[in-house]
Full PDB file with SEQRES, HELIX, SHEET, SSBOND, CRYST1, ORIGX, SCALE, CONECT and MASTER records, all heavy atoms in Angstrom:
SEQRES   1 A   34  ARG GLY ALA ILE LYS ILE VAL LEU ASP LEU VAL GLY GLY          
SEQRES   2 A   34  PRO PRO ALA SER PHE GLY GLN PRO THR THR GLU CYS VAL          
SEQRES   3 A   34  ARG ASP ARG PRO TRP PHE ARG LEU                              
HELIX    1 AA1 GLU A   24  ASP A   28  5                                   5    
SHEET    1 AA1 2 ASP A   9  VAL A  11  0                                        
SHEET    2 AA1 2 TRP A  31  ARG A  33 -1                                        
CRYST1    1.000    1.000    1.000  90.00  90.00  90.00 P 1           1          
ORIGX1      1.000000  0.000000  0.000000        0.00000                         
ORIGX2      0.000000  1.000000  0.000000        0.00000                         
ORIGX3      0.000000  0.000000  1.000000        0.00000                         
SCALE1      1.000000  0.000000  0.000000        0.00000                         
SCALE2      0.000000  1.000000  0.000000        0.00000                         
SCALE3      0.000000  0.000000  1.000000        0.00000                         
ATOM      1  N   ARG A   1      60.202 -38.393 -18.143  1.00  0.00           N  
ATOM      2  CA  ARG A   1      59.734 -39.503 -17.338  1.00  0.00           C  
ATOM      3  C   ARG A   1      59.827 -39.118 -15.868  1.00  0.00           C  
ATOM      4  O   ARG A   1      60.897 -38.819 -15.354  1.00  0.00           O  
ATOM      5  CB  ARG A   1      60.565 -40.759 -17.579  1.00  0.00           C  
ATOM      6  CG  ARG A   1      60.022 -41.993 -16.848  1.00  0.00           C  
ATOM      7  CD  ARG A   1      60.921 -43.204 -17.186  1.00  0.00           C  
ATOM      8  NE  ARG A   1      60.875 -43.517 -18.603  1.00  0.00           N  
ATOM      9  CZ  ARG A   1      59.906 -44.254 -19.180  1.00  0.00           C  
ATOM     10  NH1 ARG A   1      58.964 -44.803 -18.412  1.00  0.00           N  
ATOM     11  NH2 ARG A   1      59.925 -44.518 -20.480  1.00  0.00           N  
ATOM     12  N   GLY A   2      58.629 -39.046 -15.146  1.00  0.00           N  
ATOM     13  CA  GLY A   2      58.651 -38.686 -13.758  1.00  0.00           C  
ATOM     14  C   GLY A   2      57.297 -38.060 -13.376  1.00  0.00           C  
ATOM     15  O   GLY A   2      56.282 -38.171 -14.078  1.00  0.00           O  
ATOM     16  N   ALA A   3      57.306 -37.371 -12.261  1.00  0.00           N  
ATOM     17  CA  ALA A   3      56.116 -36.737 -11.737  1.00  0.00           C  
ATOM     18  C   ALA A   3      56.337 -35.268 -11.457  1.00  0.00           C  
ATOM     19  O   ALA A   3      57.391 -34.879 -10.954  1.00  0.00           O  
ATOM     20  CB  ALA A   3      55.668 -37.452 -10.404  1.00  0.00           C  
ATOM     21  N   ILE A   4      55.302 -34.446 -11.786  1.00  0.00           N  
ATOM     22  CA  ILE A   4      55.311 -33.019 -11.552  1.00  0.00           C  
ATOM     23  C   ILE A   4      54.115 -32.720 -10.588  1.00  0.00           C  
ATOM     24  O   ILE A   4      52.976 -33.121 -10.845  1.00  0.00           O  
ATOM     25  CB  ILE A   4      55.140 -32.223 -12.854  1.00  0.00           C  
ATOM     26  CG1 ILE A   4      56.331 -32.516 -13.782  1.00  0.00           C  
ATOM     27  CG2 ILE A   4      55.136 -30.736 -12.517  1.00  0.00           C  
ATOM     28  CD1 ILE A   4      56.198 -31.905 -15.146  1.00  0.00           C  
ATOM     29  N   LYS A   5      54.386 -31.964  -9.517  1.00  0.00           N  
ATOM     30  CA  LYS A   5      53.355 -31.612  -8.574  1.00  0.00           C  
ATOM     31  C   LYS A   5      53.226 -30.100  -8.587  1.00  0.00           C  
ATOM     32  O   LYS A   5      54.196 -29.369  -8.366  1.00  0.00           O  
ATOM     33  CB  LYS A   5      53.704 -32.132  -7.215  1.00  0.00           C  
ATOM     34  CG  LYS A   5      52.592 -31.881  -6.192  1.00  0.00           C  
ATOM     35  CD  LYS A   5      52.910 -32.503  -4.832  1.00  0.00           C  
ATOM     36  CE  LYS A   5      51.726 -32.284  -3.821  1.00  0.00           C  
ATOM     37  NZ  LYS A   5      52.020 -32.889  -2.526  1.00  0.00           N  
ATOM     38  N   ILE A   6      51.950 -29.622  -8.780  1.00  0.00           N  
ATOM     39  CA  ILE A   6      51.675 -28.206  -8.818  1.00  0.00           C  
ATOM     40  C   ILE A   6      50.712 -27.922  -7.634  1.00  0.00           C  
ATOM     41  O   ILE A   6      49.647 -28.542  -7.545  1.00  0.00           O  
ATOM     42  CB  ILE A   6      50.974 -27.799 -10.148  1.00  0.00           C  
ATOM     43  CG1 ILE A   6      51.916 -28.171 -11.316  1.00  0.00           C  
ATOM     44  CG2 ILE A   6      50.682 -26.333 -10.179  1.00  0.00           C  
ATOM     45  CD1 ILE A   6      51.278 -28.012 -12.682  1.00  0.00           C  
ATOM     46  N   VAL A   7      51.149 -26.984  -6.796  1.00  0.00           N  
ATOM     47  CA  VAL A   7      50.354 -26.662  -5.563  1.00  0.00           C  
ATOM     48  C   VAL A   7      50.138 -25.159  -5.579  1.00  0.00           C  
ATOM     49  O   VAL A   7      51.079 -24.387  -5.744  1.00  0.00           O  
ATOM     50  CB  VAL A   7      51.108 -27.080  -4.291  1.00  0.00           C  
ATOM     51  CG1 VAL A   7      50.304 -26.688  -3.116  1.00  0.00           C  
ATOM     52  CG2 VAL A   7      51.361 -28.598  -4.311  1.00  0.00           C  
ATOM     53  N   LEU A   8      48.876 -24.764  -5.324  1.00  0.00           N  
ATOM     54  CA  LEU A   8      48.520 -23.338  -5.169  1.00  0.00           C  
ATOM     55  C   LEU A   8      47.824 -23.181  -3.883  1.00  0.00           C  
ATOM     56  O   LEU A   8      46.843 -23.833  -3.575  1.00  0.00           O  
ATOM     57  CB  LEU A   8      47.581 -22.947  -6.340  1.00  0.00           C  
ATOM     58  CG  LEU A   8      47.094 -21.454  -6.275  1.00  0.00           C  
ATOM     59  CD1 LEU A   8      48.314 -20.516  -6.508  1.00  0.00           C  
ATOM     60  CD2 LEU A   8      46.025 -21.198  -7.315  1.00  0.00           C  
ATOM     61  N   ASP A   9      48.383 -22.254  -3.030  1.00  0.00           N  
ATOM     62  CA  ASP A   9      47.684 -21.960  -1.761  1.00  0.00           C  
ATOM     63  C   ASP A   9      47.847 -20.449  -1.472  1.00  0.00           C  
ATOM     64  O   ASP A   9      48.511 -19.774  -2.239  1.00  0.00           O  
ATOM     65  CB  ASP A   9      48.237 -22.826  -0.613  1.00  0.00           C  
ATOM     66  CG  ASP A   9      49.776 -22.733  -0.503  1.00  0.00           C  
ATOM     67  OD1 ASP A   9      50.362 -21.903  -1.225  1.00  0.00           O  
ATOM     68  OD2 ASP A   9      50.394 -23.446   0.307  1.00  0.00           O  
ATOM     69  N   LEU A  10      47.190 -20.059  -0.338  1.00  0.00           N  
ATOM     70  CA  LEU A  10      47.223 -18.620  -0.038  1.00  0.00           C  
ATOM     71  C   LEU A  10      47.983 -18.405   1.278  1.00  0.00           C  
ATOM     72  O   LEU A  10      47.783 -19.172   2.228  1.00  0.00           O  
ATOM     73  CB  LEU A  10      45.729 -18.156   0.137  1.00  0.00           C  
ATOM     74  CG  LEU A  10      45.510 -16.650   0.030  1.00  0.00           C  
ATOM     75  CD1 LEU A  10      45.867 -16.165  -1.360  1.00  0.00           C  
ATOM     76  CD2 LEU A  10      44.018 -16.332   0.343  1.00  0.00           C  
ATOM     77  N   VAL A  11      48.874 -17.421   1.294  1.00  0.00           N  
ATOM     78  CA  VAL A  11      49.630 -17.160   2.516  1.00  0.00           C  
ATOM     79  C   VAL A  11      49.392 -15.712   2.946  1.00  0.00           C  
ATOM     80  O   VAL A  11      48.827 -14.931   2.217  1.00  0.00           O  
ATOM     81  CB  VAL A  11      51.102 -17.390   2.276  1.00  0.00           C  
ATOM     82  CG1 VAL A  11      51.450 -18.858   2.000  1.00  0.00           C  
ATOM     83  CG2 VAL A  11      51.633 -16.556   1.128  1.00  0.00           C  
ATOM     84  N   GLY A  12      49.890 -15.405   4.126  1.00  0.00           N  
ATOM     85  CA  GLY A  12      49.561 -14.107   4.683  1.00  0.00           C  
ATOM     86  C   GLY A  12      50.292 -12.939   4.119  1.00  0.00           C  
ATOM     87  O   GLY A  12      49.832 -11.771   4.165  1.00  0.00           O  
ATOM     88  N   GLY A  13      51.435 -13.153   3.403  1.00  0.00           N  
ATOM     89  CA  GLY A  13      52.189 -12.019   2.878  1.00  0.00           C  
ATOM     90  C   GLY A  13      53.357 -12.528   2.062  1.00  0.00           C  
ATOM     91  O   GLY A  13      53.479 -13.760   1.798  1.00  0.00           O  
ATOM     92  N   PRO A  14      54.233 -11.655   1.647  1.00  0.00           N  
ATOM     93  CA  PRO A  14      55.358 -12.040   0.814  1.00  0.00           C  
ATOM     94  C   PRO A  14      56.374 -12.824   1.676  1.00  0.00           C  
ATOM     95  O   PRO A  14      56.351 -12.770   2.887  1.00  0.00           O  
ATOM     96  CB  PRO A  14      55.908 -10.718   0.322  1.00  0.00           C  
ATOM     97  CG  PRO A  14      55.552  -9.751   1.393  1.00  0.00           C  
ATOM     98  CD  PRO A  14      54.206 -10.205   1.869  1.00  0.00           C  
ATOM     99  N   PRO A  15      57.301 -13.579   1.000  1.00  0.00           N  
ATOM    100  CA  PRO A  15      58.343 -14.297   1.767  1.00  0.00           C  
ATOM    101  C   PRO A  15      59.278 -13.327   2.454  1.00  0.00           C  
ATOM    102  O   PRO A  15      59.376 -12.162   2.065  1.00  0.00           O  
ATOM    103  CB  PRO A  15      59.027 -15.122   0.714  1.00  0.00           C  
ATOM    104  CG  PRO A  15      58.795 -14.395  -0.581  1.00  0.00           C  
ATOM    105  CD  PRO A  15      57.449 -13.785  -0.436  1.00  0.00           C  
ATOM    106  N   ALA A  16      60.033 -13.779   3.426  1.00  0.00           N  
ATOM    107  CA  ALA A  16      60.960 -12.955   4.163  1.00  0.00           C  
ATOM    108  C   ALA A  16      62.065 -12.392   3.260  1.00  0.00           C  
ATOM    109  O   ALA A  16      62.567 -11.292   3.492  1.00  0.00           O  
ATOM    110  CB  ALA A  16      61.601 -13.720   5.315  1.00  0.00           C  
ATOM    111  N   SER A  17      62.393 -13.155   2.210  1.00  0.00           N  
ATOM    112  CA  SER A  17      63.508 -12.703   1.315  1.00  0.00           C  
ATOM    113  C   SER A  17      63.034 -11.638   0.317  1.00  0.00           C  
ATOM    114  O   SER A  17      63.832 -11.133  -0.491  1.00  0.00           O  
ATOM    115  CB  SER A  17      64.095 -13.919   0.574  1.00  0.00           C  
ATOM    116  OG  SER A  17      63.057 -14.552  -0.191  1.00  0.00           O  
ATOM    117  N   PHE A  18      61.699 -11.342   0.292  1.00  0.00           N  
ATOM    118  CA  PHE A  18      61.210 -10.461  -0.714  1.00  0.00           C  
ATOM    119  C   PHE A  18      61.658  -9.008  -0.388  1.00  0.00           C  
ATOM    120  O   PHE A  18      61.582  -8.565   0.750  1.00  0.00           O  
ATOM    121  CB  PHE A  18      59.669 -10.557  -0.769  1.00  0.00           C  
ATOM    122  CG  PHE A  18      59.010  -9.747  -1.856  1.00  0.00           C  
ATOM    123  CD1 PHE A  18      59.301 -10.065  -3.163  1.00  0.00           C  
ATOM    124  CD2 PHE A  18      58.238  -8.686  -1.580  1.00  0.00           C  
ATOM    125  CE1 PHE A  18      58.675  -9.343  -4.221  1.00  0.00           C  
ATOM    126  CE2 PHE A  18      57.590  -7.927  -2.582  1.00  0.00           C  
ATOM    127  CZ  PHE A  18      57.865  -8.292  -3.918  1.00  0.00           C  
ATOM    128  N   GLY A  19      62.031  -8.285  -1.448  1.00  0.00           N  
ATOM    129  CA  GLY A  19      62.487  -6.886  -1.276  1.00  0.00           C  
ATOM    130  C   GLY A  19      61.294  -5.947  -1.217  1.00  0.00           C  
ATOM    131  O   GLY A  19      60.120  -6.346  -1.006  1.00  0.00           O  
ATOM    132  N   GLN A  20      61.567  -4.707  -1.430  1.00  0.00           N  
ATOM    133  CA  GLN A  20      60.524  -3.657  -1.332  1.00  0.00           C  
ATOM    134  C   GLN A  20      59.669  -3.738  -2.617  1.00  0.00           C  
ATOM    135  O   GLN A  20      60.136  -3.590  -3.744  1.00  0.00           O  
ATOM    136  CB  GLN A  20      61.190  -2.259  -1.285  1.00  0.00           C  
ATOM    137  CG  GLN A  20      60.195  -1.122  -1.077  1.00  0.00           C  
ATOM    138  CD  GLN A  20      59.529  -1.143   0.279  1.00  0.00           C  
ATOM    139  OE1 GLN A  20      60.042  -1.796   1.193  1.00  0.00           O  
ATOM    140  NE2 GLN A  20      58.350  -0.567   0.341  1.00  0.00           N  
ATOM    141  N   PRO A  21      58.319  -3.918  -2.483  1.00  0.00           N  
ATOM    142  CA  PRO A  21      57.449  -3.993  -3.606  1.00  0.00           C  
ATOM    143  C   PRO A  21      57.281  -2.601  -4.259  1.00  0.00           C  
ATOM    144  O   PRO A  21      57.606  -1.569  -3.672  1.00  0.00           O  
ATOM    145  CB  PRO A  21      56.125  -4.516  -3.092  1.00  0.00           C  
ATOM    146  CG  PRO A  21      56.131  -4.093  -1.623  1.00  0.00           C  
ATOM    147  CD  PRO A  21      57.595  -4.096  -1.237  1.00  0.00           C  
ATOM    148  N   THR A  22      56.668  -2.566  -5.472  1.00  0.00           N  
ATOM    149  CA  THR A  22      56.456  -1.311  -6.160  1.00  0.00           C  
ATOM    150  C   THR A  22      55.489  -0.438  -5.428  1.00  0.00           C  
ATOM    151  O   THR A  22      55.638   0.771  -5.283  1.00  0.00           O  
ATOM    152  CB  THR A  22      55.949  -1.621  -7.568  1.00  0.00           C  
ATOM    153  OG1 THR A  22      56.858  -2.445  -8.271  1.00  0.00           O  
ATOM    154  CG2 THR A  22      55.796  -0.331  -8.364  1.00  0.00           C  
ATOM    155  N   THR A  23      54.477  -1.011  -4.891  1.00  0.00           N  
ATOM    156  CA  THR A  23      53.456  -0.220  -4.069  1.00  0.00           C  
ATOM    157  C   THR A  23      53.439  -0.821  -2.695  1.00  0.00           C  
ATOM    158  O   THR A  23      53.395  -2.068  -2.487  1.00  0.00           O  
ATOM    159  CB  THR A  23      52.067  -0.360  -4.745  1.00  0.00           C  
ATOM    160  OG1 THR A  23      51.723  -1.750  -4.928  1.00  0.00           O  
ATOM    161  CG2 THR A  23      52.064   0.330  -6.103  1.00  0.00           C  
ATOM    162  N   GLU A  24      53.435   0.056  -1.703  1.00  0.00           N  
ATOM    163  CA  GLU A  24      53.537  -0.379  -0.295  1.00  0.00           C  
ATOM    164  C   GLU A  24      52.377  -1.170   0.149  1.00  0.00           C  
ATOM    165  O   GLU A  24      52.493  -2.122   0.949  1.00  0.00           O  
ATOM    166  CB  GLU A  24      53.691   0.901   0.559  1.00  0.00           C  
ATOM    167  CG  GLU A  24      54.074   0.563   1.998  1.00  0.00           C  
ATOM    168  CD  GLU A  24      55.427  -0.112   2.114  1.00  0.00           C  
ATOM    169  OE1 GLU A  24      56.293   0.205   1.274  1.00  0.00           O  
ATOM    170  OE2 GLU A  24      55.651  -0.916   3.041  1.00  0.00           O  
ATOM    171  N   CYS A  25      51.118  -0.887  -0.421  1.00  0.00           N  
ATOM    172  CA  CYS A  25      49.950  -1.559   0.086  1.00  0.00           C  
ATOM    173  C   CYS A  25      49.951  -3.013  -0.340  1.00  0.00           C  
ATOM    174  O   CYS A  25      49.200  -3.860   0.195  1.00  0.00           O  
ATOM    175  CB  CYS A  25      48.676  -0.886  -0.465  1.00  0.00           C  
ATOM    176  SG  CYS A  25      48.616  -0.801  -2.240  1.00  0.00           S  
ATOM    177  N   VAL A  26      50.769  -3.445  -1.355  1.00  0.00           N  
ATOM    178  CA  VAL A  26      50.816  -4.811  -1.802  1.00  0.00           C  
ATOM    179  C   VAL A  26      51.314  -5.730  -0.671  1.00  0.00           C  
ATOM    180  O   VAL A  26      50.831  -6.844  -0.506  1.00  0.00           O  
ATOM    181  CB  VAL A  26      51.726  -4.935  -3.019  1.00  0.00           C  
ATOM    182  CG1 VAL A  26      52.013  -6.367  -3.343  1.00  0.00           C  
ATOM    183  CG2 VAL A  26      51.093  -4.246  -4.236  1.00  0.00           C  
ATOM    184  N   ARG A  27      52.189  -5.205   0.205  1.00  0.00           N  
ATOM    185  CA  ARG A  27      52.727  -6.028   1.262  1.00  0.00           C  
ATOM    186  C   ARG A  27      51.652  -6.472   2.244  1.00  0.00           C  
ATOM    187  O   ARG A  27      51.815  -7.557   2.860  1.00  0.00           O  
ATOM    188  CB  ARG A  27      53.857  -5.251   1.948  1.00  0.00           C  
ATOM    189  CG  ARG A  27      54.592  -6.011   3.021  1.00  0.00           C  
ATOM    190  CD  ARG A  27      55.708  -5.193   3.645  1.00  0.00           C  
ATOM    191  NE  ARG A  27      56.786  -4.995   2.703  1.00  0.00           N  
ATOM    192  CZ  ARG A  27      57.758  -5.872   2.480  1.00  0.00           C  
ATOM    193  NH1 ARG A  27      57.759  -7.028   3.148  1.00  0.00           N  
ATOM    194  NH2 ARG A  27      58.680  -5.663   1.614  1.00  0.00           N  
ATOM    195  N   ASP A  28      50.665  -5.686   2.448  1.00  0.00           N  
ATOM    196  CA  ASP A  28      49.656  -5.967   3.462  1.00  0.00           C  
ATOM    197  C   ASP A  28      48.546  -6.892   2.992  1.00  0.00           C  
ATOM    198  O   ASP A  28      47.633  -7.273   3.757  1.00  0.00           O  
ATOM    199  CB  ASP A  28      49.005  -4.663   3.957  1.00  0.00           C  
ATOM    200  CG  ASP A  28      50.075  -3.705   4.526  1.00  0.00           C  
ATOM    201  OD1 ASP A  28      51.064  -4.245   5.114  1.00  0.00           O  
ATOM    202  OD2 ASP A  28      49.914  -2.469   4.372  1.00  0.00           O  
ATOM    203  N   ARG A  29      48.538  -7.309   1.752  1.00  0.00           N  
ATOM    204  CA  ARG A  29      47.513  -8.154   1.184  1.00  0.00           C  
ATOM    205  C   ARG A  29      47.906  -9.648   1.293  1.00  0.00           C  
ATOM    206  O   ARG A  29      49.070  -9.950   1.443  1.00  0.00           O  
ATOM    207  CB  ARG A  29      47.261  -7.829  -0.277  1.00  0.00           C  
ATOM    208  CG  ARG A  29      46.768  -6.421  -0.521  1.00  0.00           C  
ATOM    209  CD  ARG A  29      46.633  -6.165  -1.998  1.00  0.00           C  
ATOM    210  NE  ARG A  29      46.256  -4.796  -2.284  1.00  0.00           N  
ATOM    211  CZ  ARG A  29      46.239  -4.268  -3.490  1.00  0.00           C  
ATOM    212  NH1 ARG A  29      46.639  -5.032  -4.533  1.00  0.00           N  
ATOM    213  NH2 ARG A  29      45.941  -3.031  -3.685  1.00  0.00           N  
ATOM    214  N   PRO A  30      46.924 -10.534   1.189  1.00  0.00           N  
ATOM    215  CA  PRO A  30      47.276 -11.942   1.058  1.00  0.00           C  
ATOM    216  C   PRO A  30      48.006 -12.234  -0.212  1.00  0.00           C  
ATOM    217  O   PRO A  30      47.847 -11.515  -1.212  1.00  0.00           O  
ATOM    218  CB  PRO A  30      45.904 -12.662   1.083  1.00  0.00           C  
ATOM    219  CG  PRO A  30      44.965 -11.649   1.639  1.00  0.00           C  
ATOM    220  CD  PRO A  30      45.439 -10.332   1.293  1.00  0.00           C  
ATOM    221  N   TRP A  31      48.857 -13.235  -0.249  1.00  0.00           N  
ATOM    222  CA  TRP A  31      49.639 -13.565  -1.398  1.00  0.00           C  
ATOM    223  C   TRP A  31      49.359 -15.025  -1.774  1.00  0.00           C  
ATOM    224  O   TRP A  31      49.182 -15.877  -0.971  1.00  0.00           O  
ATOM    225  CB  TRP A  31      51.153 -13.406  -1.108  1.00  0.00           C  
ATOM    226  CG  TRP A  31      51.619 -11.962  -1.107  1.00  0.00           C  
ATOM    227  CD1 TRP A  31      51.122 -10.955  -0.359  1.00  0.00           C  
ATOM    228  CD2 TRP A  31      52.698 -11.455  -1.871  1.00  0.00           C  
ATOM    229  NE1 TRP A  31      51.798  -9.785  -0.610  1.00  0.00           N  
ATOM    230  CE2 TRP A  31      52.797 -10.059  -1.514  1.00  0.00           C  
ATOM    231  CE3 TRP A  31      53.597 -11.967  -2.778  1.00  0.00           C  
ATOM    232  CZ2 TRP A  31      53.754  -9.210  -2.086  1.00  0.00           C  
ATOM    233  CZ3 TRP A  31      54.548 -11.123  -3.347  1.00  0.00           C  
ATOM    234  CH2 TRP A  31      54.646  -9.785  -2.962  1.00  0.00           C  
ATOM    235  N   PHE A  32      49.300 -15.225  -3.119  1.00  0.00           N  
ATOM    236  CA  PHE A  32      49.265 -16.602  -3.639  1.00  0.00           C  
ATOM    237  C   PHE A  32      50.698 -17.198  -3.608  1.00  0.00           C  
ATOM    238  O   PHE A  32      51.692 -16.477  -3.894  1.00  0.00           O  
ATOM    239  CB  PHE A  32      48.705 -16.640  -5.016  1.00  0.00           C  
ATOM    240  CG  PHE A  32      47.237 -16.529  -5.128  1.00  0.00           C  
ATOM    241  CD1 PHE A  32      46.649 -15.389  -5.646  1.00  0.00           C  
ATOM    242  CD2 PHE A  32      46.427 -17.545  -4.727  1.00  0.00           C  
ATOM    243  CE1 PHE A  32      45.270 -15.258  -5.728  1.00  0.00           C  
ATOM    244  CE2 PHE A  32      45.042 -17.434  -4.779  1.00  0.00           C  
ATOM    245  CZ  PHE A  32      44.476 -16.268  -5.316  1.00  0.00           C  
ATOM    246  N   ARG A  33      50.777 -18.500  -3.297  1.00  0.00           N  
ATOM    247  CA  ARG A  33      52.057 -19.223  -3.380  1.00  0.00           C  
ATOM    248  C   ARG A  33      51.840 -20.396  -4.319  1.00  0.00           C  
ATOM    249  O   ARG A  33      51.015 -21.322  -4.041  1.00  0.00           O  
ATOM    250  CB  ARG A  33      52.461 -19.673  -2.023  1.00  0.00           C  
ATOM    251  CG  ARG A  33      53.824 -20.455  -2.070  1.00  0.00           C  
ATOM    252  CD  ARG A  33      54.327 -20.801  -0.657  1.00  0.00           C  
ATOM    253  NE  ARG A  33      53.416 -21.633   0.015  1.00  0.00           N  
ATOM    254  CZ  ARG A  33      53.441 -21.962   1.303  1.00  0.00           C  
ATOM    255  NH1 ARG A  33      54.407 -21.382   2.045  1.00  0.00           N  
ATOM    256  NH2 ARG A  33      52.546 -22.716   1.868  1.00  0.00           N  
ATOM    257  N   LEU A  34      52.529 -20.346  -5.445  1.00  0.00           N  
ATOM    258  CA  LEU A  34      52.453 -21.413  -6.472  1.00  0.00           C  
ATOM    259  C   LEU A  34      53.794 -22.129  -6.525  1.00  0.00           C  
ATOM    260  O   LEU A  34      54.832 -21.533  -6.699  1.00  0.00           O  
ATOM    261  CB  LEU A  34      52.147 -20.800  -7.850  1.00  0.00           C  
ATOM    262  CG  LEU A  34      52.288 -21.689  -9.097  1.00  0.00           C  
ATOM    263  CD1 LEU A  34      51.219 -22.773  -9.033  1.00  0.00           C  
ATOM    264  CD2 LEU A  34      52.179 -20.900 -10.358  1.00  0.00           C  
TER     265      LEU A  34                                                      
MASTER        0    0    0    1    2    0    0    6  264    1    0    3          
END                                                                             
């Protein structure tokens, strides 16, 4: 019983807390935020 809100948007890059990705070029792309 309650409400669930699902939001999908596009951000400029990974969050500040994100570590080193597997491929370096991934960091320079836009990222989805769900």
